[in-house]
Amino acid sequence: MRAAADEDDDALEELERLAGTDPAALTPHLARLLDSGVSWPPTLFRAADHRVVQRIVARVDAGAPDNLNHLLLILAHHRGEEATAALRRWLGEPPPGMDALPVDVAEFVRQGGRVLTDVTERDLCGPVAYALELAETPPVAGDGCPWCASPLWTALDLDTARPDVGAALAHTGWSGRLRITTCFLCANVTTLYTDVTPDGGATWSARNHQPDHLPGPAEPPPALLPVVGERRPTPYLASAWHEGGSTLGGAPDWIQEAGYPDCAGCGRAMDYVGLIGGADLTFGEGAYYLFLHAPCDLAAVNYQQS
């Protein structure tokens, strides 16, 4: 804790690991961490108790602290009633200092993986997660990317009839087989949408808009297909950096800022489905993030790297 207060990156990384494996283990120490000036990463405070949450809310209400953005993200990641009530109040009456930030309170809430209105709350992530193990699969002839001509990659092919898949995807409202195909090259530069059906149908969506610049030349995707492994002890153990970090369900491990896409059909935020890490593929860098909006039968894939 002292090393983290002294901005020791290794200490912060260890605390972040602990916040993923056993969030409550940090609870008795979070007041001291806050007193020492540590407010990042916000996921350290997932299991903050009433006193710490109350202090953070009071700081925000008191007026424009230098780390206002960090404090808002802490509350966005917290799922307690007091944090939610404060965020909901600030949706209509922004706290002092919000005018100096580039986004509104609603966007901070979304960065924390949920959507909040005056009367509703929707979690974009699920409370259950399973490891995704990449199994070799022979290349399958099929459609190619209409932009770069690379063969499309089957990034996911699972069925909620399996209890583990059903549990991991319950928050999405999807029922049936979910097959997501995408261009693993073009997903590096833009969010790609797939029209999906509960019988396993997956087609390139007409809602995709070609960016000005595309990767190239055409390249075959990894001959790997994710299969469901063991249940993760907590929903927070996906890793975009380390081998074995690919995960179905739970919460994403963002490399950059949170990137929950809007549904290209209705504009609502899409539910997070899982993460496939580059360390589990063939190139060891970056991560693919998978999303779904069941009411519009639309899936999406985007990519982040350092």
Protein backbone atom coordinates (compact mmCIF):
# COMPACT_ATOMS: atom_id res chain seq x y z
CA MET A 1 0.00 0.00 0.00
CA ARG A 2 2.87 2.38 0.79
CA ALA A 3 4.57 1.55 -2.49
CA ALA A 4 1.36 2.20 -4.40
CA ALA A 5 1.07 5.58 -2.71
CA ASP A 6 4.60 6.29 -3.95
CA GLU A 7 3.42 5.54 -7.52
CA ASP A 8 5.19 2.21 -7.74
CA ASP A 9 3.73 0.61 -10.89
CA ASP A 10 4.50 -2.93 -9.74
CA ALA A 11 2.65 -2.35 -6.47
CA LEU A 12 -0.36 -0.90 -8.27
CA GLU A 13 -0.38 -3.86 -10.65
CA GLU A 14 -0.34 -6.25 -7.68
CA LEU A 15 -3.22 -4.41 -6.02
CA GLU A 16 -5.15 -4.52 -9.28
CA ARG A 17 -4.57 -8.27 -9.50
CA LEU A 18 -5.87 -8.66 -5.95
CA ALA A 19 -8.91 -6.50 -6.78
CA GLY A 20 -9.71 -8.99 -9.53
CA THR A 21 -9.18 -12.19 -7.57
CA ASP A 22 -10.58 -11.11 -4.19
CA PRO A 23 -12.02 -7.56 -4.22
CA ALA A 24 -13.11 -7.72 -0.57
CA ALA A 25 -9.51 -8.28 0.53
CA LEU A 26 -8.83 -4.62 -0.20
CA THR A 27 -11.91 -3.27 1.57
CA PRO A 28 -10.26 -2.61 4.99
CA HIS A 29 -7.42 -0.71 3.32
CA LEU A 30 -9.22 1.50 0.80
CA ALA A 31 -9.68 4.49 3.12
CA ARG A 32 -5.92 4.59 3.67
CA LEU A 33 -5.33 4.21 -0.04
CA LEU A 34 -7.65 7.12 -0.73
CA ASP A 35 -5.95 9.23 1.96
CA SER A 36 -2.60 8.58 0.30
CA GLY A 37 -3.86 10.07 -2.95
CA VAL A 38 -4.40 6.85 -4.89
CA SER A 39 -7.60 6.91 -6.95
CA TRP A 40 -6.48 4.98 -10.01
CA PRO A 41 -7.24 2.42 -11.29
CA PRO A 42 -10.89 2.75 -10.20
CA THR A 43 -11.35 -1.02 -10.13
CA LEU A 44 -9.35 -1.12 -6.89
CA PHE A 45 -12.44 0.32 -5.17
CA ARG A 46 -15.04 -2.20 -6.41
CA ALA A 47 -15.65 -3.44 -2.86
CA ALA A 48 -15.36 -0.08 -1.08
CA ASP A 49 -17.46 0.07 2.07
CA HIS A 50 -20.11 2.64 2.95
CA ARG A 51 -17.63 5.00 4.64
CA VAL A 52 -15.31 5.19 1.64
CA VAL A 53 -18.17 5.63 -0.83
CA GLN A 54 -19.65 8.33 1.37
CA ARG A 55 -16.33 10.16 1.47
CA ILE A 56 -15.96 10.02 -2.30
CA VAL A 57 -19.49 11.30 -2.86
CA ALA A 58 -18.84 14.13 -0.41
CA ARG A 59 -15.62 15.07 -2.21
CA VAL A 60 -17.41 15.27 -5.54
CA ASP A 61 -20.26 17.30 -4.06
CA ALA A 62 -17.81 19.66 -2.34
CA GLY A 63 -16.50 20.94 -5.63
CA ALA A 64 -14.18 20.07 -8.45
CA PRO A 65 -11.32 18.02 -6.97
CA ASP A 66 -8.35 17.60 -9.28
CA ASN A 67 -9.17 13.93 -9.67
CA LEU A 68 -12.90 14.35 -10.31
CA ASN A 69 -12.75 12.01 -13.30
CA HIS A 70 -11.12 9.27 -11.20
CA LEU A 71 -13.66 9.64 -8.41
CA LEU A 72 -16.56 9.42 -10.85
CA LEU A 73 -15.09 6.27 -12.37
CA ILE A 74 -14.70 4.70 -8.93
CA LEU A 75 -18.40 5.25 -8.29
CA ALA A 76 -19.26 4.02 -11.80
CA HIS A 77 -17.52 0.71 -11.11
CA HIS A 78 -19.12 0.38 -7.69
CA ARG A 79 -22.52 -1.31 -7.62
CA GLY A 80 -23.72 -0.11 -4.22
CA GLU A 81 -26.94 1.83 -3.71
CA GLU A 82 -25.21 4.94 -2.39
CA ALA A 83 -22.88 5.23 -5.39
CA THR A 84 -25.76 4.61 -7.79
CA ALA A 85 -27.98 7.19 -6.10
CA ALA A 86 -25.25 9.84 -6.32
CA LEU A 87 -24.56 9.13 -10.00
CA ARG A 88 -28.28 9.23 -10.76
CA ARG A 89 -28.57 12.59 -8.96
CA TRP A 90 -25.64 14.01 -10.94
CA LEU A 91 -27.22 12.97 -14.24
CA GLY A 92 -29.70 15.81 -13.74
CA GLU A 93 -27.58 18.11 -11.60
CA PRO A 94 -23.91 17.74 -12.58
CA PRO A 95 -21.44 18.25 -9.73
CA PRO A 96 -19.06 21.21 -9.67
CA GLY A 97 -16.23 20.85 -12.17
CA MET A 98 -18.08 18.73 -14.73
CA ASP A 99 -17.94 21.54 -17.26
CA ALA A 100 -14.15 21.11 -17.38
CA LEU A 101 -14.41 17.43 -18.35
CA PRO A 102 -14.86 16.25 -21.94
CA VAL A 103 -17.78 13.88 -21.23
CA ASP A 104 -20.88 13.90 -19.05
CA VAL A 105 -21.79 11.78 -16.03
CA ALA A 106 -23.68 9.27 -18.19
CA GLU A 107 -20.49 8.51 -20.10
CA PHE A 108 -18.57 7.92 -16.86
CA VAL A 109 -21.29 5.46 -15.81
CA ARG A 110 -20.92 3.70 -19.15
CA GLN A 111 -17.15 3.52 -18.69
CA GLY A 112 -17.97 1.55 -15.55
CA GLY A 113 -19.98 -0.94 -17.58
CA ARG A 114 -23.58 0.11 -17.06
CA VAL A 115 -26.29 2.45 -18.31
CA LEU A 116 -28.20 4.58 -15.82
CA THR A 117 -31.27 6.77 -16.16
CA ASP A 118 -33.53 8.47 -13.66
CA VAL A 119 -35.47 5.25 -13.11
CA THR A 120 -33.58 2.37 -14.72
CA GLU A 121 -30.21 0.67 -14.52
CA ARG A 122 -28.71 -1.80 -16.98
CA ASP A 123 -25.47 -3.68 -16.46
CA LEU A 124 -23.52 -4.19 -19.67
CA CYS A 125 -21.53 -7.03 -18.13
CA GLY A 126 -22.46 -10.29 -16.46
CA PRO A 127 -21.72 -11.57 -12.94
CA VAL A 128 -20.46 -14.96 -14.18
CA ALA A 129 -17.37 -15.67 -16.29
CA TYR A 130 -15.66 -18.70 -17.82
CA ALA A 131 -12.24 -19.16 -19.36
CA LEU A 132 -12.14 -19.32 -23.14
CA GLU A 133 -9.60 -21.78 -24.46
CA LEU A 134 -8.52 -21.50 -28.08
CA ALA A 135 -8.75 -24.83 -29.90
CA GLU A 136 -7.26 -25.47 -33.31
CA THR A 137 -9.84 -25.80 -36.04
CA PRO A 138 -9.39 -26.41 -39.77
CA PRO A 139 -10.00 -23.39 -42.00
CA VAL A 140 -13.57 -23.25 -43.27
CA ALA A 141 -14.34 -21.94 -46.73
CA GLY A 142 -16.87 -19.16 -46.61
CA ASP A 143 -17.43 -15.49 -47.20
CA GLY A 144 -14.54 -13.10 -47.27
CA CYS A 145 -14.33 -9.58 -45.93
CA PRO A 146 -15.91 -7.27 -48.51
CA TRP A 147 -13.33 -4.63 -47.68
CA CYS A 148 -9.94 -6.35 -47.50
CA ALA A 149 -10.84 -9.80 -48.95
CA SER A 150 -9.49 -11.69 -45.93
CA PRO A 151 -11.48 -14.82 -45.01
CA LEU A 152 -13.92 -14.08 -42.21
CA TRP A 153 -12.96 -15.39 -38.78
CA THR A 154 -15.38 -17.23 -36.52
CA ALA A 155 -14.60 -15.46 -33.27
CA LEU A 156 -17.30 -17.30 -31.28
CA ASP A 157 -19.67 -20.23 -31.78
CA LEU A 158 -21.53 -21.23 -28.61
CA ASP A 159 -25.06 -22.17 -27.56
CA THR A 160 -26.94 -21.00 -24.48
CA ALA A 161 -28.39 -24.53 -24.21
CA ARG A 162 -25.12 -25.29 -22.42
CA PRO A 163 -25.54 -24.22 -18.79
CA ASP A 164 -22.15 -22.48 -18.65
CA VAL A 165 -22.79 -20.49 -21.81
CA GLY A 166 -26.33 -19.69 -20.67
CA ALA A 167 -25.02 -18.38 -17.34
CA ALA A 168 -22.31 -16.26 -18.94
CA LEU A 169 -24.70 -14.69 -21.45
CA ALA A 170 -27.81 -14.40 -19.25
CA HIS A 171 -27.39 -10.63 -18.93
CA THR A 172 -27.68 -10.24 -22.72
CA GLY A 173 -31.08 -11.91 -23.00
CA TRP A 174 -29.87 -14.10 -25.86
CA SER A 175 -31.27 -17.61 -26.26
CA GLY A 176 -29.88 -20.08 -28.79
CA ARG A 177 -26.69 -20.49 -30.72
CA LEU A 178 -24.48 -17.42 -30.95
CA ARG A 179 -21.98 -17.42 -33.79
CA ILE A 180 -19.98 -14.26 -34.39
CA THR A 181 -17.94 -13.91 -37.57
CA THR A 182 -15.76 -10.92 -38.32
CA CYS A 183 -12.70 -9.74 -40.20
CA PHE A 184 -9.85 -10.02 -37.75
CA LEU A 185 -7.89 -7.41 -39.73
CA CYS A 186 -10.54 -4.74 -40.29
CA ALA A 187 -11.75 -5.07 -36.69
CA ASN A 188 -8.39 -3.55 -35.78
CA VAL A 189 -9.45 -0.20 -37.20
CA THR A 190 -13.22 -0.02 -36.61
CA THR A 191 -16.07 -1.73 -34.80
CA LEU A 192 -17.49 -4.45 -37.06
CA TYR A 193 -21.10 -5.61 -36.81
CA THR A 194 -22.53 -9.06 -37.54
CA ASP A 195 -26.19 -9.88 -38.08
CA VAL A 196 -26.88 -12.94 -35.92
CA THR A 197 -29.79 -15.34 -35.50
CA PRO A 198 -30.50 -17.88 -32.73
CA ASP A 199 -29.91 -20.80 -35.12
CA GLY A 200 -26.26 -19.79 -35.55
CA GLY A 201 -26.68 -17.52 -38.53
CA ALA A 202 -23.92 -14.93 -38.85
CA THR A 203 -23.56 -12.53 -41.76
CA TRP A 204 -21.63 -9.37 -42.46
CA SER A 205 -23.94 -6.52 -41.50
CA ALA A 206 -25.02 -3.90 -44.01
CA ARG A 207 -24.69 -1.47 -41.09
CA ASN A 208 -20.88 -1.63 -41.30
CA HIS A 209 -19.31 1.56 -42.63
CA GLN A 210 -15.94 1.31 -44.34
CA PRO A 211 -13.30 3.61 -42.84
CA ASP A 212 -10.97 5.70 -44.95
CA HIS A 213 -7.95 3.53 -44.20
CA LEU A 214 -7.89 -0.29 -44.14
CA PRO A 215 -5.22 -2.79 -43.18
CA GLY A 216 -3.85 -5.02 -45.88
CA PRO A 217 -3.02 -7.12 -47.74
CA ALA A 218 -5.55 -9.94 -47.19
CA GLU A 219 -4.50 -12.47 -44.57
CA PRO A 220 -6.07 -15.67 -43.24
CA PRO A 221 -7.39 -15.44 -39.68
CA PRO A 222 -6.09 -17.63 -36.85
CA ALA A 223 -7.27 -21.22 -37.24
CA LEU A 224 -8.46 -21.13 -33.65
CA LEU A 225 -11.96 -21.29 -32.16
CA PRO A 226 -12.76 -20.46 -28.52
CA VAL A 227 -14.25 -23.24 -26.38
CA VAL A 228 -15.56 -22.82 -22.84
CA GLY A 229 -13.25 -23.81 -20.00
CA GLU A 230 -13.50 -23.60 -16.23
CA ARG A 231 -15.54 -21.02 -14.40
CA ARG A 232 -13.54 -18.01 -13.22
CA PRO A 233 -13.56 -17.48 -9.43
CA THR A 234 -14.70 -13.87 -9.98
CA PRO A 235 -16.04 -11.95 -13.01
CA TYR A 236 -12.93 -9.75 -13.07
CA LEU A 237 -10.20 -12.11 -14.26
CA ALA A 238 -10.17 -11.54 -18.01
CA SER A 239 -6.72 -10.45 -19.16
CA ALA A 240 -5.95 -8.57 -22.35
CA TRP A 241 -2.24 -9.05 -21.67
CA HIS A 242 -1.52 -12.56 -20.47
CA GLU A 243 -1.87 -16.02 -21.94
CA GLY A 244 -4.98 -17.72 -20.63
CA GLY A 245 -6.81 -14.40 -20.22
CA SER A 246 -9.50 -14.95 -22.87
CA THR A 247 -12.86 -15.01 -21.09
CA LEU A 248 -16.56 -15.47 -21.77
CA GLY A 249 -18.81 -13.22 -19.69
CA GLY A 250 -17.75 -11.19 -16.68
CA ALA A 251 -16.12 -7.79 -17.10
CA PRO A 252 -13.61 -6.75 -19.77
CA ASP A 253 -9.97 -5.90 -19.20
CA TRP A 254 -9.60 -2.77 -21.28
CA ILE A 255 -6.22 -1.84 -22.73
CA GLN A 256 -7.36 1.70 -23.42
CA GLU A 257 -10.56 3.44 -22.34
CA ALA A 258 -13.72 1.37 -22.11
CA GLY A 259 -15.12 0.90 -25.61
CA TYR A 260 -18.69 -0.39 -25.34
CA PRO A 261 -20.11 0.23 -28.83
CA ASP A 262 -23.54 1.55 -29.66
CA CYS A 263 -25.89 -0.82 -31.42
CA ALA A 264 -25.89 0.17 -35.10
CA GLY A 265 -29.59 -0.67 -35.20
CA CYS A 266 -31.09 1.28 -32.30
CA GLY A 267 -28.21 3.25 -30.78
CA ARG A 268 -28.35 1.62 -27.33
CA ALA A 269 -25.16 0.43 -25.65
CA MET A 270 -24.32 -3.18 -26.50
CA ASP A 271 -23.79 -5.89 -23.89
CA TYR A 272 -20.30 -7.25 -23.37
CA VAL A 273 -19.91 -10.93 -24.29
CA GLY A 274 -16.24 -11.71 -23.89
CA LEU A 275 -12.60 -11.06 -24.67
CA ILE A 276 -10.12 -12.93 -26.86
CA GLY A 277 -6.56 -11.96 -26.05
CA GLY A 278 -3.77 -11.76 -28.58
CA ALA A 279 -1.59 -13.77 -26.21
CA ASP A 280 -3.95 -16.71 -26.80
CA LEU A 281 -3.92 -16.24 -30.56
CA THR A 282 -0.83 -16.21 -32.74
CA PHE A 283 0.54 -12.70 -32.39
CA GLY A 284 0.61 -11.99 -28.65
CA GLU A 285 -0.62 -8.40 -28.78
CA GLY A 286 -3.91 -6.63 -28.18
CA ALA A 287 -7.36 -8.06 -27.55
CA TYR A 288 -10.65 -8.51 -29.39
CA TYR A 289 -13.80 -7.53 -27.49
CA LEU A 290 -17.14 -9.16 -28.36
CA PHE A 291 -20.57 -7.58 -27.86
CA LEU A 292 -24.22 -8.35 -28.48
CA HIS A 293 -27.53 -6.51 -28.61
CA ALA A 294 -30.11 -9.26 -28.59
CA PRO A 295 -33.20 -7.10 -29.35
CA CYS A 296 -31.65 -6.09 -32.68
CA ASP A 297 -29.98 -9.46 -33.45
CA LEU A 298 -26.67 -7.67 -33.79
CA ALA A 299 -23.20 -8.63 -32.56
CA ALA A 300 -20.04 -6.53 -32.72
CA VAL A 301 -16.28 -6.92 -32.43
CA ASN A 302 -13.71 -4.26 -31.73
CA TYR A 303 -10.02 -4.34 -30.89
CA GLN A 304 -7.57 -2.54 -28.65
CA GLN A 305 -3.80 -2.64 -28.34
CA SER A 306 -1.21 -0.72 -26.38
